[in-house]
Amino acid sequence: MIETSIFPMQRVFASLGLLKIDNIASGVGVIIFSPASKVAVGMHLLRAVPTGVNVLNPTYYAATAIPYVVEEIEKRKMTPPFSVAIAGGGAMMPTERGDVGAKIIAVVKEGLEKAGFQVKLEKIGGTRIRIMVLNIGEGKIKISYK
């Protein structure tokens, strides 16, 4: 079976096999799947909002990735309903500015809600590394611990 892996700071569309996001820690993995279109997009986001003016990679930040991917979903004419899952946002690297993971989760949820997507499956927070896998043929998303 074909396996499409998504690495940090990437967004990938797939229509066959497995879509996999591995090693999700303080970052957040997002999978948006259209069962009707049999197309999914996955993202592995590492930060909540850009700190500078020039954003070269929109899938690095949750604040820019969600609108960017929503635009691509529209261009590809993916049809609703959508299954949406998120995982990660763990407290792996607390900083003096607060918990990185919690900030990313908040921005991801806000962006998805603003775009009209409802999260149906989530495993967020904590201190464990997660893996997300979507079997496109079966339409099932699994989130497990590493």
N, C-alpha and C. Protein backbone atom coordinates (compact mmCIF):
# COMPACT_ATOMS: atom_id res chain seq x y z
N MET A 1 0.85 -1.18 0.00
CA MET A 1 0.00 0.00 0.00
C MET A 1 0.89 1.24 0.00
N ILE A 2 0.49 2.23 -0.78
CA ILE A 2 1.23 3.49 -0.85
C ILE A 2 1.11 4.22 0.48
N GLU A 3 2.24 4.74 0.97
CA GLU A 3 2.24 5.53 2.20
C GLU A 3 2.85 6.90 1.90
N THR A 4 2.08 7.95 2.20
CA THR A 4 2.55 9.31 2.01
C THR A 4 2.85 9.89 3.39
N SER A 5 4.10 10.24 3.61
CA SER A 5 4.51 10.80 4.90
C SER A 5 4.58 12.32 4.83
N ILE A 6 4.16 12.93 5.92
CA ILE A 6 4.20 14.39 6.03
C ILE A 6 5.21 14.74 7.10
N PHE A 7 6.15 15.57 6.74
CA PHE A 7 7.20 15.98 7.66
C PHE A 7 6.90 17.37 8.21
N PRO A 8 7.59 17.79 9.27
CA PRO A 8 7.36 19.12 9.82
C PRO A 8 7.46 20.21 8.75
N MET A 9 6.57 21.17 8.84
CA MET A 9 6.49 22.33 7.96
C MET A 9 6.02 21.97 6.56
N GLN A 10 5.33 20.84 6.42
CA GLN A 10 4.82 20.42 5.11
C GLN A 10 3.31 20.35 5.13
N ARG A 11 2.74 20.46 3.95
CA ARG A 11 1.36 20.10 3.71
C ARG A 11 1.37 19.25 2.45
N VAL A 12 0.63 18.15 2.50
CA VAL A 12 0.63 17.22 1.39
C VAL A 12 -0.80 16.77 1.13
N PHE A 13 -1.18 16.72 -0.15
CA PHE A 13 -2.46 16.16 -0.56
C PHE A 13 -2.22 14.73 -1.02
N ALA A 14 -3.17 13.84 -0.75
CA ALA A 14 -3.06 12.45 -1.18
C ALA A 14 -4.45 11.91 -1.50
N SER A 15 -4.48 10.93 -2.42
CA SER A 15 -5.76 10.33 -2.79
C SER A 15 -5.72 8.81 -2.79
N LEU A 16 -4.60 8.23 -2.39
CA LEU A 16 -4.45 6.77 -2.33
C LEU A 16 -3.67 6.35 -1.10
N GLY A 17 -3.95 5.16 -0.61
CA GLY A 17 -3.15 4.55 0.44
C GLY A 17 -3.29 5.20 1.79
N LEU A 18 -2.15 5.36 2.46
CA LEU A 18 -2.10 5.92 3.81
C LEU A 18 -1.47 7.30 3.80
N LEU A 19 -2.05 8.19 4.57
CA LEU A 19 -1.47 9.51 4.80
C LEU A 19 -1.01 9.53 6.24
N LYS A 20 0.28 9.77 6.46
CA LYS A 20 0.85 9.60 7.81
C LYS A 20 1.62 10.83 8.26
N ILE A 21 1.32 11.25 9.51
CA ILE A 21 2.10 12.31 10.16
C ILE A 21 2.71 11.68 11.40
N ASP A 22 4.03 11.61 11.46
CA ASP A 22 4.75 10.93 12.53
C ASP A 22 5.46 11.96 13.42
N ASN A 23 5.80 11.53 14.61
CA ASN A 23 6.59 12.34 15.54
C ASN A 23 5.98 13.71 15.84
N ILE A 24 4.70 13.71 16.17
CA ILE A 24 4.02 14.95 16.52
C ILE A 24 4.21 15.16 18.01
N ALA A 25 4.90 16.22 18.38
CA ALA A 25 5.20 16.50 19.79
C ALA A 25 4.52 17.81 20.19
N SER A 26 5.28 18.90 20.27
CA SER A 26 4.66 20.18 20.61
C SER A 26 4.00 20.81 19.38
N GLY A 27 4.40 20.40 18.20
CA GLY A 27 3.72 20.84 16.97
C GLY A 27 2.35 20.18 16.89
N VAL A 28 1.60 20.52 15.85
CA VAL A 28 0.25 19.98 15.69
C VAL A 28 0.10 19.39 14.30
N GLY A 29 -0.40 18.16 14.27
CA GLY A 29 -0.75 17.51 13.02
C GLY A 29 -2.22 17.74 12.73
N VAL A 30 -2.53 18.01 11.47
CA VAL A 30 -3.91 18.24 11.05
C VAL A 30 -4.17 17.41 9.80
N ILE A 31 -5.27 16.66 9.81
CA ILE A 31 -5.71 15.95 8.61
C ILE A 31 -7.13 16.40 8.30
N ILE A 32 -7.34 16.80 7.05
CA ILE A 32 -8.67 17.15 6.55
C ILE A 32 -8.96 16.20 5.39
N PHE A 33 -10.04 15.43 5.51
CA PHE A 33 -10.36 14.38 4.54
C PHE A 33 -11.76 14.56 3.98
N SER A 34 -11.88 14.46 2.67
CA SER A 34 -13.17 14.48 2.00
C SER A 34 -13.51 13.06 1.57
N PRO A 35 -14.40 12.37 2.29
CA PRO A 35 -14.78 11.02 1.88
C PRO A 35 -15.41 10.99 0.49
N ALA A 36 -16.16 12.04 0.13
CA ALA A 36 -16.81 12.08 -1.18
C ALA A 36 -15.78 12.17 -2.31
N SER A 37 -14.75 12.97 -2.11
CA SER A 37 -13.71 13.16 -3.13
C SER A 37 -12.60 12.13 -3.01
N LYS A 38 -12.52 11.46 -1.85
CA LYS A 38 -11.41 10.53 -1.55
C LYS A 38 -10.06 11.23 -1.68
N VAL A 39 -10.02 12.46 -1.15
CA VAL A 39 -8.79 13.25 -1.15
C VAL A 39 -8.59 13.80 0.26
N ALA A 40 -7.35 13.81 0.70
CA ALA A 40 -7.03 14.32 2.03
C ALA A 40 -5.83 15.25 1.94
N VAL A 41 -5.76 16.13 2.92
CA VAL A 41 -4.57 16.97 3.07
C VAL A 41 -4.12 16.84 4.51
N GLY A 42 -2.82 16.73 4.68
CA GLY A 42 -2.25 16.68 6.02
C GLY A 42 -1.21 17.76 6.17
N MET A 43 -1.10 18.27 7.41
CA MET A 43 -0.12 19.32 7.72
C MET A 43 0.55 18.99 9.04
N HIS A 44 1.81 19.37 9.17
CA HIS A 44 2.54 19.26 10.44
C HIS A 44 3.06 20.66 10.76
N LEU A 45 2.36 21.34 11.66
CA LEU A 45 2.62 22.75 11.97
C LEU A 45 3.50 22.88 13.21
N LEU A 46 4.45 23.80 13.17
CA LEU A 46 5.41 23.91 14.27
C LEU A 46 5.26 25.16 15.15
N ARG A 47 4.61 26.19 14.66
CA ARG A 47 4.45 27.41 15.44
C ARG A 47 3.05 27.95 15.22
N ALA A 48 2.63 28.82 16.12
CA ALA A 48 1.27 29.38 16.07
C ALA A 48 1.16 30.53 15.07
N VAL A 49 1.96 31.57 15.26
CA VAL A 49 1.86 32.76 14.41
C VAL A 49 3.25 33.21 13.98
N PRO A 50 3.35 33.82 12.79
CA PRO A 50 4.64 34.31 12.33
C PRO A 50 5.15 35.44 13.22
N THR A 51 6.45 35.47 13.41
CA THR A 51 7.06 36.53 14.21
C THR A 51 7.62 37.64 13.34
N GLY A 52 7.85 37.33 12.06
CA GLY A 52 8.38 38.33 11.14
C GLY A 52 7.36 38.68 10.08
N VAL A 53 7.75 39.56 9.18
CA VAL A 53 6.86 40.01 8.13
C VAL A 53 6.87 39.05 6.95
N ASN A 54 8.01 38.50 6.60
CA ASN A 54 8.17 37.67 5.42
C ASN A 54 7.97 36.19 5.75
N VAL A 55 6.85 35.64 5.31
CA VAL A 55 6.55 34.23 5.56
C VAL A 55 6.84 33.45 4.28
N LEU A 56 7.97 32.77 4.24
CA LEU A 56 8.36 32.01 3.05
C LEU A 56 7.63 30.68 2.95
N ASN A 57 7.33 30.06 4.08
CA ASN A 57 6.65 28.77 4.09
C ASN A 57 5.37 28.89 4.91
N PRO A 58 4.22 29.03 4.26
CA PRO A 58 2.97 29.23 5.00
C PRO A 58 2.58 28.04 5.87
N THR A 59 3.14 26.86 5.61
CA THR A 59 2.77 25.71 6.44
C THR A 59 3.65 25.54 7.67
N TYR A 60 4.49 26.51 7.95
CA TYR A 60 5.25 26.50 9.19
C TYR A 60 4.38 26.97 10.35
N TYR A 61 3.51 27.93 10.07
CA TYR A 61 2.69 28.56 11.11
C TYR A 61 1.21 28.18 10.95
N ALA A 62 0.56 27.92 12.05
CA ALA A 62 -0.87 27.58 12.03
C ALA A 62 -1.69 28.73 11.47
N ALA A 63 -1.35 29.96 11.82
CA ALA A 63 -2.12 31.13 11.39
C ALA A 63 -2.11 31.32 9.87
N THR A 64 -1.06 30.89 9.20
CA THR A 64 -0.99 31.03 7.75
C THR A 64 -1.33 29.73 7.03
N ALA A 65 -1.08 28.61 7.66
CA ALA A 65 -1.31 27.30 7.03
C ALA A 65 -2.79 27.01 6.79
N ILE A 66 -3.63 27.28 7.76
CA ILE A 66 -5.04 26.93 7.62
C ILE A 66 -5.67 27.70 6.45
N PRO A 67 -5.55 29.03 6.37
CA PRO A 67 -6.14 29.73 5.21
C PRO A 67 -5.53 29.28 3.87
N TYR A 68 -4.23 29.02 3.88
CA TYR A 68 -3.54 28.56 2.67
C TYR A 68 -4.11 27.23 2.19
N VAL A 69 -4.28 26.29 3.10
CA VAL A 69 -4.80 24.97 2.73
C VAL A 69 -6.28 25.05 2.36
N VAL A 70 -7.05 25.87 3.04
CA VAL A 70 -8.46 26.04 2.69
C VAL A 70 -8.58 26.54 1.25
N GLU A 71 -7.74 27.46 0.86
CA GLU A 71 -7.72 27.96 -0.51
C GLU A 71 -7.39 26.84 -1.50
N GLU A 72 -6.42 26.00 -1.15
CA GLU A 72 -6.05 24.88 -2.02
C GLU A 72 -7.18 23.84 -2.10
N ILE A 73 -7.88 23.61 -0.98
CA ILE A 73 -9.03 22.68 -0.98
C ILE A 73 -10.09 23.19 -1.96
N GLU A 74 -10.35 24.48 -1.94
CA GLU A 74 -11.33 25.06 -2.85
C GLU A 74 -10.89 24.94 -4.30
N LYS A 75 -9.62 25.19 -4.58
CA LYS A 75 -9.09 25.07 -5.94
C LYS A 75 -9.20 23.64 -6.46
N ARG A 76 -8.99 22.67 -5.56
CA ARG A 76 -9.05 21.26 -5.96
C ARG A 76 -10.48 20.72 -5.98
N LYS A 77 -11.41 21.58 -5.61
CA LYS A 77 -12.84 21.23 -5.61
C LYS A 77 -13.16 20.00 -4.76
N MET A 78 -12.48 19.90 -3.61
CA MET A 78 -12.81 18.84 -2.65
C MET A 78 -14.19 19.14 -2.09
N THR A 79 -15.01 18.11 -1.99
CA THR A 79 -16.39 18.32 -1.58
C THR A 79 -16.65 17.90 -0.13
N PRO A 80 -17.52 18.66 0.55
CA PRO A 80 -17.91 18.29 1.91
C PRO A 80 -18.82 17.07 1.87
N PRO A 81 -19.06 16.45 3.00
CA PRO A 81 -18.56 16.80 4.33
C PRO A 81 -17.08 16.44 4.48
N PHE A 82 -16.45 17.01 5.50
CA PHE A 82 -15.05 16.75 5.75
C PHE A 82 -14.87 16.11 7.12
N SER A 83 -13.93 15.19 7.20
CA SER A 83 -13.50 14.63 8.48
C SER A 83 -12.21 15.35 8.85
N VAL A 84 -12.18 15.92 10.05
CA VAL A 84 -11.01 16.68 10.47
C VAL A 84 -10.50 16.12 11.79
N ALA A 85 -9.19 15.90 11.84
CA ALA A 85 -8.55 15.40 13.06
C ALA A 85 -7.32 16.24 13.35
N ILE A 86 -7.05 16.43 14.65
CA ILE A 86 -5.83 17.14 15.07
C ILE A 86 -5.17 16.35 16.19
N ALA A 87 -3.86 16.45 16.25
CA ALA A 87 -3.11 15.75 17.31
C ALA A 87 -1.85 16.53 17.61
N GLY A 88 -1.38 16.36 18.84
CA GLY A 88 -0.12 16.98 19.25
C GLY A 88 -0.35 18.13 20.21
N GLY A 89 0.48 19.14 20.07
CA GLY A 89 0.38 20.29 20.96
C GLY A 89 0.80 19.94 22.37
N GLY A 90 1.71 18.99 22.48
CA GLY A 90 2.18 18.55 23.79
C GLY A 90 3.05 19.59 24.48
N ALA A 91 3.16 19.45 25.78
CA ALA A 91 3.99 20.36 26.58
C ALA A 91 5.41 19.82 26.63
N MET A 92 6.04 19.75 25.49
CA MET A 92 7.38 19.19 25.38
C MET A 92 8.45 20.23 25.66
N MET A 93 8.19 21.47 25.25
CA MET A 93 9.20 22.51 25.37
C MET A 93 8.59 23.78 25.96
N PRO A 94 8.20 23.74 27.22
CA PRO A 94 7.65 24.97 27.80
C PRO A 94 8.73 26.07 27.80
N THR A 95 8.33 27.26 27.48
CA THR A 95 9.27 28.38 27.43
C THR A 95 8.80 29.47 28.38
N GLU A 96 9.61 30.50 28.50
CA GLU A 96 9.23 31.61 29.37
C GLU A 96 8.01 32.34 28.83
N ARG A 97 7.68 32.16 27.53
CA ARG A 97 6.51 32.79 26.94
C ARG A 97 5.27 31.91 27.02
N GLY A 98 5.35 30.79 27.68
CA GLY A 98 4.19 29.89 27.79
C GLY A 98 4.39 28.62 26.99
N ASP A 99 3.40 27.80 26.99
CA ASP A 99 3.46 26.51 26.34
C ASP A 99 3.25 26.64 24.83
N VAL A 100 4.25 26.28 24.06
CA VAL A 100 4.22 26.37 22.60
C VAL A 100 3.06 25.56 22.03
N GLY A 101 2.92 24.32 22.48
CA GLY A 101 1.88 23.43 21.96
C GLY A 101 0.48 23.97 22.15
N ALA A 102 0.19 24.49 23.34
CA ALA A 102 -1.14 25.04 23.62
C ALA A 102 -1.46 26.22 22.71
N LYS A 103 -0.46 27.04 22.41
CA LYS A 103 -0.67 28.18 21.51
C LYS A 103 -1.00 27.71 20.10
N ILE A 104 -0.28 26.70 19.63
CA ILE A 104 -0.54 26.19 18.28
C ILE A 104 -1.95 25.60 18.20
N ILE A 105 -2.33 24.82 19.21
CA ILE A 105 -3.67 24.21 19.23
C ILE A 105 -4.74 25.29 19.15
N ALA A 106 -4.60 26.35 19.93
CA ALA A 106 -5.60 27.42 19.95
C ALA A 106 -5.74 28.06 18.57
N VAL A 107 -4.62 28.32 17.90
CA VAL A 107 -4.66 28.95 16.59
C VAL A 107 -5.22 27.99 15.54
N VAL A 108 -4.87 26.71 15.62
CA VAL A 108 -5.40 25.71 14.69
C VAL A 108 -6.92 25.62 14.83
N LYS A 109 -7.40 25.48 16.05
CA LYS A 109 -8.84 25.36 16.27
C LYS A 109 -9.58 26.60 15.80
N GLU A 110 -9.03 27.77 16.09
CA GLU A 110 -9.66 29.02 15.66
C GLU A 110 -9.72 29.10 14.13
N GLY A 111 -8.62 28.74 13.47
CA GLY A 111 -8.57 28.79 12.01
C GLY A 111 -9.52 27.81 11.35
N LEU A 112 -9.59 26.59 11.90
CA LEU A 112 -10.50 25.59 11.36
C LEU A 112 -11.95 26.01 11.54
N GLU A 113 -12.26 26.52 12.72
CA GLU A 113 -13.63 26.97 12.99
C GLU A 113 -14.02 28.13 12.06
N LYS A 114 -13.11 29.07 11.89
CA LYS A 114 -13.36 30.22 11.01
C LYS A 114 -13.61 29.77 9.57
N ALA A 115 -12.92 28.69 9.16
CA ALA A 115 -13.07 28.16 7.80
C ALA A 115 -14.28 27.24 7.67
N GLY A 116 -14.98 26.98 8.78
CA GLY A 116 -16.18 26.16 8.73
C GLY A 116 -15.94 24.67 8.92
N PHE A 117 -14.74 24.30 9.40
CA PHE A 117 -14.43 22.90 9.64
C PHE A 117 -14.65 22.56 11.11
N GLN A 118 -15.24 21.40 11.36
CA GLN A 118 -15.46 20.94 12.72
C GLN A 118 -14.51 19.77 13.00
N VAL A 119 -13.74 19.89 14.07
CA VAL A 119 -12.82 18.82 14.46
C VAL A 119 -13.64 17.66 15.02
N LYS A 120 -13.46 16.48 14.42
CA LYS A 120 -14.22 15.30 14.85
C LYS A 120 -13.39 14.35 15.72
N LEU A 121 -12.07 14.45 15.61
CA LEU A 121 -11.18 13.58 16.38
C LEU A 121 -9.98 14.39 16.81
N GLU A 122 -9.65 14.33 18.10
CA GLU A 122 -8.46 15.03 18.57
C GLU A 122 -7.83 14.29 19.74
N LYS A 123 -6.51 14.34 19.76
CA LYS A 123 -5.70 13.90 20.90
C LYS A 123 -4.63 14.96 21.04
N ILE A 124 -4.85 15.85 22.01
CA ILE A 124 -3.98 17.01 22.14
C ILE A 124 -3.47 17.16 23.57
N GLY A 125 -2.40 17.94 23.71
CA GLY A 125 -1.82 18.20 25.02
C GLY A 125 -1.01 17.02 25.53
N GLY A 126 -0.71 17.05 26.80
CA GLY A 126 0.06 15.96 27.41
C GLY A 126 1.54 16.05 27.08
N THR A 127 2.23 14.94 27.27
CA THR A 127 3.68 14.92 27.06
C THR A 127 4.14 13.75 26.20
N ARG A 128 3.22 13.17 25.44
CA ARG A 128 3.60 12.02 24.62
C ARG A 128 3.59 12.36 23.13
N ILE A 129 4.48 11.72 22.41
CA ILE A 129 4.57 11.90 20.96
C ILE A 129 3.48 11.06 20.29
N ARG A 130 2.88 11.63 19.25
CA ARG A 130 1.77 10.96 18.58
C ARG A 130 2.07 10.71 17.09
N ILE A 131 1.25 9.81 16.53
CA ILE A 131 1.28 9.48 15.11
C ILE A 131 -0.17 9.54 14.61
N MET A 132 -0.38 10.17 13.47
CA MET A 132 -1.71 10.20 12.83
C MET A 132 -1.61 9.43 11.52
N VAL A 133 -2.59 8.57 11.27
CA VAL A 133 -2.63 7.83 10.01
C VAL A 133 -4.06 7.82 9.49
N LEU A 134 -4.22 8.21 8.24
CA LEU A 134 -5.49 8.13 7.55
C LEU A 134 -5.38 7.05 6.50
N ASN A 135 -6.27 6.07 6.55
CA ASN A 135 -6.41 5.10 5.48
C ASN A 135 -7.47 5.69 4.54
N ILE A 136 -7.02 6.19 3.41
CA ILE A 136 -7.92 6.90 2.50
C ILE A 136 -9.01 5.99 1.97
N GLY A 137 -8.67 4.76 1.62
CA GLY A 137 -9.67 3.82 1.10
C GLY A 137 -10.77 3.50 2.10
N GLU A 138 -10.40 3.35 3.36
CA GLU A 138 -11.38 3.04 4.41
C GLU A 138 -12.00 4.31 5.00
N GLY A 139 -11.33 5.44 4.85
CA GLY A 139 -11.83 6.70 5.41
C GLY A 139 -11.69 6.79 6.91
N LYS A 140 -10.71 6.07 7.47
CA LYS A 140 -10.53 6.05 8.92
C LYS A 140 -9.22 6.72 9.32
N ILE A 141 -9.34 7.61 10.31
CA ILE A 141 -8.17 8.29 10.86
C ILE A 141 -7.89 7.71 12.24
N LYS A 142 -6.64 7.33 12.46
CA LYS A 142 -6.23 6.80 13.77
C LYS A 142 -5.13 7.69 14.32
N ILE A 143 -5.22 7.95 15.61
CA ILE A 143 -4.18 8.70 16.32
C ILE A 143 -3.68 7.80 17.42
N SER A 144 -2.39 7.55 17.44
CA SER A 144 -1.81 6.67 18.45
C SER A 144 -0.58 7.33 19.06
N TYR A 145 -0.11 6.73 20.16
CA TYR A 145 1.09 7.21 20.83
C TYR A 145 2.29 6.44 20.32
N LYS A 146 3.40 7.10 20.28
CA LYS A 146 4.63 6.46 19.84
C LYS A 146 5.29 5.76 21.00
